Amino acid sequence: MSASTIRNAAPSDIPAITRIYEEAVLHGTATYELVPPDETEMATRMANTLRQDYPYFVACDQDGTVIGYAYAGPFRARPAYRWTVEDSIYLAPEAKGRGVGTALLRRLLDACQDKGFRQMIAVIGGADNQPSIKVHAKLGFTHIGIFEGSGFKFGRWIDTVFMQFALNGGKDTLPDETVYPGTLT
């Protein structure tokens, strides 16, 4: 991997995170947003994620420039989903194909494992988004379905791919209520 550091994200990373996400909104299908949010909105989103004690990381190159980020958040807001997280990973164009996404996802999986979560769901925009699908499969995610024609972007219908990774024994063990970090209830 070309990134020299993966570290916890900080509010000072918001300008770089906003630029990376803007690129994804304007040129990719990884997100179904159509208008890039500004730095204020991205800061609010980060603060909400961190306030609920979900992990949020950035990858930096050897010069300390943020070249990617990843975080976990609630899969759905209903309390019965509280042990399931959804991952999000975004890379700057120059970071793609260099192992940065794999490193970020590994770190995210480890952090969610440590926090006691039981499932991680990847909601991948675009069935043709092979880099994301391959990174998730490489780290052990299994394909669980396709939501056909679920997004409309760039003048076409886009399928959403769902992949899943069991953490801490997944559905085969009961969760430890003493280590759950979130606040869904």
Protein backbone atom coordinates (compact mmCIF):
# COMPACT_ATOMS: atom_id res chain seq x y z
CA MET A 1 0.00 0.00 0.00
CA SER A 2 1.25 3.48 -0.79
CA ALA A 3 -0.41 5.12 2.20
CA SER A 4 2.05 5.52 5.00
CA THR A 5 -0.58 6.04 7.69
CA ILE A 6 -4.11 5.08 8.58
CA ARG A 7 -5.29 7.06 11.56
CA ASN A 8 -8.44 8.23 13.26
CA ALA A 9 -10.13 10.99 11.31
CA ALA A 10 -10.22 14.46 12.83
CA PRO A 11 -12.25 17.60 12.09
CA SER A 12 -9.14 19.07 10.44
CA ASP A 13 -9.49 16.38 7.74
CA ILE A 14 -12.87 17.72 6.58
CA PRO A 15 -11.55 19.77 3.62
CA ALA A 16 -9.77 16.72 2.15
CA ILE A 17 -12.69 14.39 2.91
CA THR A 18 -15.09 16.85 1.26
CA ARG A 19 -12.91 16.99 -1.90
CA ILE A 20 -12.69 13.19 -2.09
CA TYR A 21 -16.43 12.80 -1.63
CA GLU A 22 -17.17 15.55 -4.17
CA GLU A 23 -15.23 13.56 -6.77
CA ALA A 24 -17.26 10.43 -5.92
CA VAL A 25 -20.58 12.30 -6.13
CA LEU A 26 -19.79 13.99 -9.44
CA HIS A 27 -18.04 11.13 -11.23
CA GLY A 28 -18.97 7.80 -9.64
CA THR A 29 -21.80 5.57 -8.53
CA ALA A 30 -20.43 4.62 -5.11
CA THR A 31 -22.80 7.21 -3.67
CA TYR A 32 -26.27 8.02 -4.92
CA GLU A 33 -26.02 11.65 -3.88
CA LEU A 34 -26.31 13.98 -6.86
CA VAL A 35 -25.08 17.25 -5.34
CA PRO A 36 -21.85 17.24 -3.33
CA PRO A 37 -22.34 18.40 0.26
CA ASP A 38 -20.22 21.28 1.50
CA GLU A 39 -17.66 21.17 4.30
CA THR A 40 -20.22 22.21 6.92
CA GLU A 41 -22.46 19.26 6.06
CA MET A 42 -19.53 16.84 5.93
CA ALA A 43 -18.37 18.08 9.34
CA THR A 44 -21.87 17.51 10.73
CA ARG A 45 -21.91 13.98 9.31
CA MET A 46 -18.50 13.19 10.80
CA ALA A 47 -19.50 14.62 14.18
CA ASN A 48 -22.68 12.51 14.23
CA THR A 49 -20.71 9.36 13.38
CA LEU A 50 -18.07 10.01 16.01
CA ARG A 51 -20.63 11.09 18.64
CA GLN A 52 -22.19 7.63 18.36
CA ASP A 53 -18.71 6.07 18.76
CA TYR A 54 -18.52 4.53 15.30
CA PRO A 55 -15.03 4.24 13.78
CA TYR A 56 -13.88 6.79 11.20
CA PHE A 57 -10.42 6.62 9.61
CA VAL A 58 -8.34 8.44 7.02
CA ALA A 59 -5.46 7.13 4.93
CA CYS A 60 -2.58 9.52 4.35
CA ASP A 61 0.25 9.32 1.88
CA GLN A 62 3.87 9.73 2.92
CA ASP A 63 3.51 13.51 2.84
CA GLY A 64 0.53 13.39 5.22
CA THR A 65 -2.03 14.19 2.53
CA VAL A 66 -5.40 12.50 3.06
CA ILE A 67 -5.97 10.17 0.10
CA GLY A 68 -8.93 8.16 1.38
CA TYR A 69 -11.32 7.68 4.23
CA ALA A 70 -13.61 5.03 5.67
CA TYR A 71 -16.18 4.87 8.40
CA ALA A 72 -18.87 2.61 9.77
CA GLY A 73 -22.32 3.72 10.74
CA PRO A 74 -25.70 2.25 11.51
CA PHE A 75 -27.10 0.04 8.77
CA ARG A 76 -30.66 1.05 9.62
CA ALA A 77 -32.06 3.17 12.44
CA ARG A 78 -34.35 0.55 14.01
CA PRO A 79 -33.08 -0.80 17.36
CA ALA A 80 -33.01 -4.45 16.27
CA TYR A 81 -30.33 -3.49 13.71
CA ARG A 82 -28.05 -2.02 16.40
CA TRP A 83 -25.47 -4.81 16.02
CA THR A 84 -25.16 -4.29 12.26
CA VAL A 85 -23.00 -1.60 10.66
CA GLU A 86 -22.64 -0.37 7.11
CA ASP A 87 -19.21 0.54 5.78
CA SER A 88 -18.33 3.47 3.56
CA ILE A 89 -14.98 3.87 1.80
CA TYR A 90 -13.95 6.66 -0.55
CA LEU A 91 -10.58 7.20 -2.24
CA ALA A 92 -8.96 10.09 -4.04
CA PRO A 93 -8.41 9.22 -7.72
CA GLU A 94 -4.64 8.95 -7.22
CA ALA A 95 -5.12 6.38 -4.42
CA LYS A 96 -7.16 3.91 -6.45
CA GLY A 97 -5.54 0.58 -7.29
CA ARG A 98 -2.80 1.00 -4.67
CA GLY A 99 -4.22 -1.10 -1.81
CA VAL A 100 -5.49 1.90 0.14
CA GLY A 101 -9.11 0.72 0.09
CA THR A 102 -8.10 -2.74 1.30
CA ALA A 103 -6.07 -1.26 4.16
CA LEU A 104 -8.90 1.05 5.19
CA LEU A 105 -11.46 -1.76 5.10
CA ARG A 106 -9.19 -4.06 7.16
CA ARG A 107 -8.81 -1.35 9.79
CA LEU A 108 -12.56 -0.74 9.79
CA LEU A 109 -13.31 -4.46 10.20
CA ASP A 110 -10.88 -4.69 13.13
CA ALA A 111 -12.41 -1.65 14.83
CA CYS A 112 -15.97 -2.93 14.42
CA GLN A 113 -14.91 -6.34 15.68
CA ASP A 114 -13.38 -4.69 18.76
CA LYS A 115 -16.58 -2.74 19.38
CA GLY A 116 -18.66 -5.91 19.45
CA PHE A 117 -20.66 -5.54 16.25
CA ARG A 118 -21.99 -8.73 14.63
CA GLN A 119 -22.48 -7.89 10.96
CA MET A 120 -21.03 -5.44 8.46
CA ILE A 121 -23.01 -4.70 5.33
CA ALA A 122 -21.49 -3.23 2.19
CA VAL A 123 -24.04 -1.33 0.12
CA ILE A 124 -22.18 -0.89 -3.16
CA GLY A 125 -23.47 1.55 -5.72
CA GLY A 126 -23.24 0.04 -9.16
CA ALA A 127 -23.04 -3.64 -9.99
CA ASP A 128 -20.26 -2.58 -12.35
CA ASN A 129 -18.25 -1.12 -9.44
CA GLN A 130 -15.83 -4.04 -9.59
CA PRO A 131 -13.02 -2.44 -7.56
CA SER A 132 -15.30 -2.10 -4.52
CA ILE A 133 -16.87 -5.53 -5.00
CA LYS A 134 -13.41 -7.12 -5.34
CA VAL A 135 -11.99 -5.40 -2.24
CA HIS A 136 -14.94 -6.57 -0.15
CA ALA A 137 -14.75 -10.12 -1.54
CA LYS A 138 -10.97 -10.22 -0.96
CA LEU A 139 -11.53 -9.52 2.74
CA GLY A 140 -14.23 -12.18 3.12
CA PHE A 141 -17.51 -10.44 2.37
CA THR A 142 -20.13 -12.63 0.72
CA HIS A 143 -22.56 -11.48 -1.94
CA ILE A 144 -26.09 -11.42 -0.50
CA GLY A 145 -28.11 -9.74 -3.22
CA ILE A 146 -28.70 -7.09 -5.84
CA PHE A 147 -31.32 -4.37 -5.61
CA GLU A 148 -31.92 -3.88 -9.32
CA GLY A 149 -32.46 -0.43 -10.76
CA SER A 150 -32.46 1.14 -7.31
CA GLY A 151 -30.62 4.34 -8.18
CA PHE A 152 -30.93 6.72 -11.10
CA LYS A 153 -27.75 8.68 -11.82
CA PHE A 154 -25.97 9.86 -14.94
CA GLY A 155 -29.11 9.23 -16.99
CA ARG A 156 -29.28 5.52 -16.22
CA TRP A 157 -30.58 3.04 -13.69
CA ILE A 158 -27.96 1.64 -11.33
CA ASP A 159 -28.11 -1.64 -9.42
CA THR A 160 -27.03 -1.78 -5.77
CA VAL A 161 -24.93 -4.75 -4.63
CA PHE A 162 -25.22 -5.99 -1.04
CA MET A 163 -22.36 -7.88 0.60
CA GLN A 164 -22.04 -9.08 4.20
CA PHE A 165 -19.28 -9.92 6.67
CA ALA A 166 -19.92 -11.66 10.00
CA LEU A 167 -18.11 -10.16 12.99
CA ASN A 168 -17.66 -11.77 16.42
CA GLY A 169 -19.43 -14.98 15.49
CA GLY A 170 -22.18 -13.19 13.61
CA LYS A 171 -25.59 -14.75 14.16
CA ASP A 172 -24.19 -17.79 15.96
CA THR A 173 -23.59 -16.04 19.28
CA LEU A 174 -25.47 -13.51 21.38
CA PRO A 175 -24.11 -9.96 21.44
CA ASP A 176 -22.38 -8.59 24.49
CA GLU A 177 -24.61 -5.72 25.65
CA THR A 178 -21.76 -4.33 27.78
CA VAL A 179 -19.57 -3.42 24.79
CA TYR A 180 -22.05 -1.99 22.30
CA PRO A 181 -20.95 1.56 21.43
CA GLY A 182 -23.92 2.92 19.49
CA THR A 183 -26.95 4.90 20.52
CA LEU A 184 -29.78 3.69 18.30
CA THR A 185 -32.34 3.33 21.10
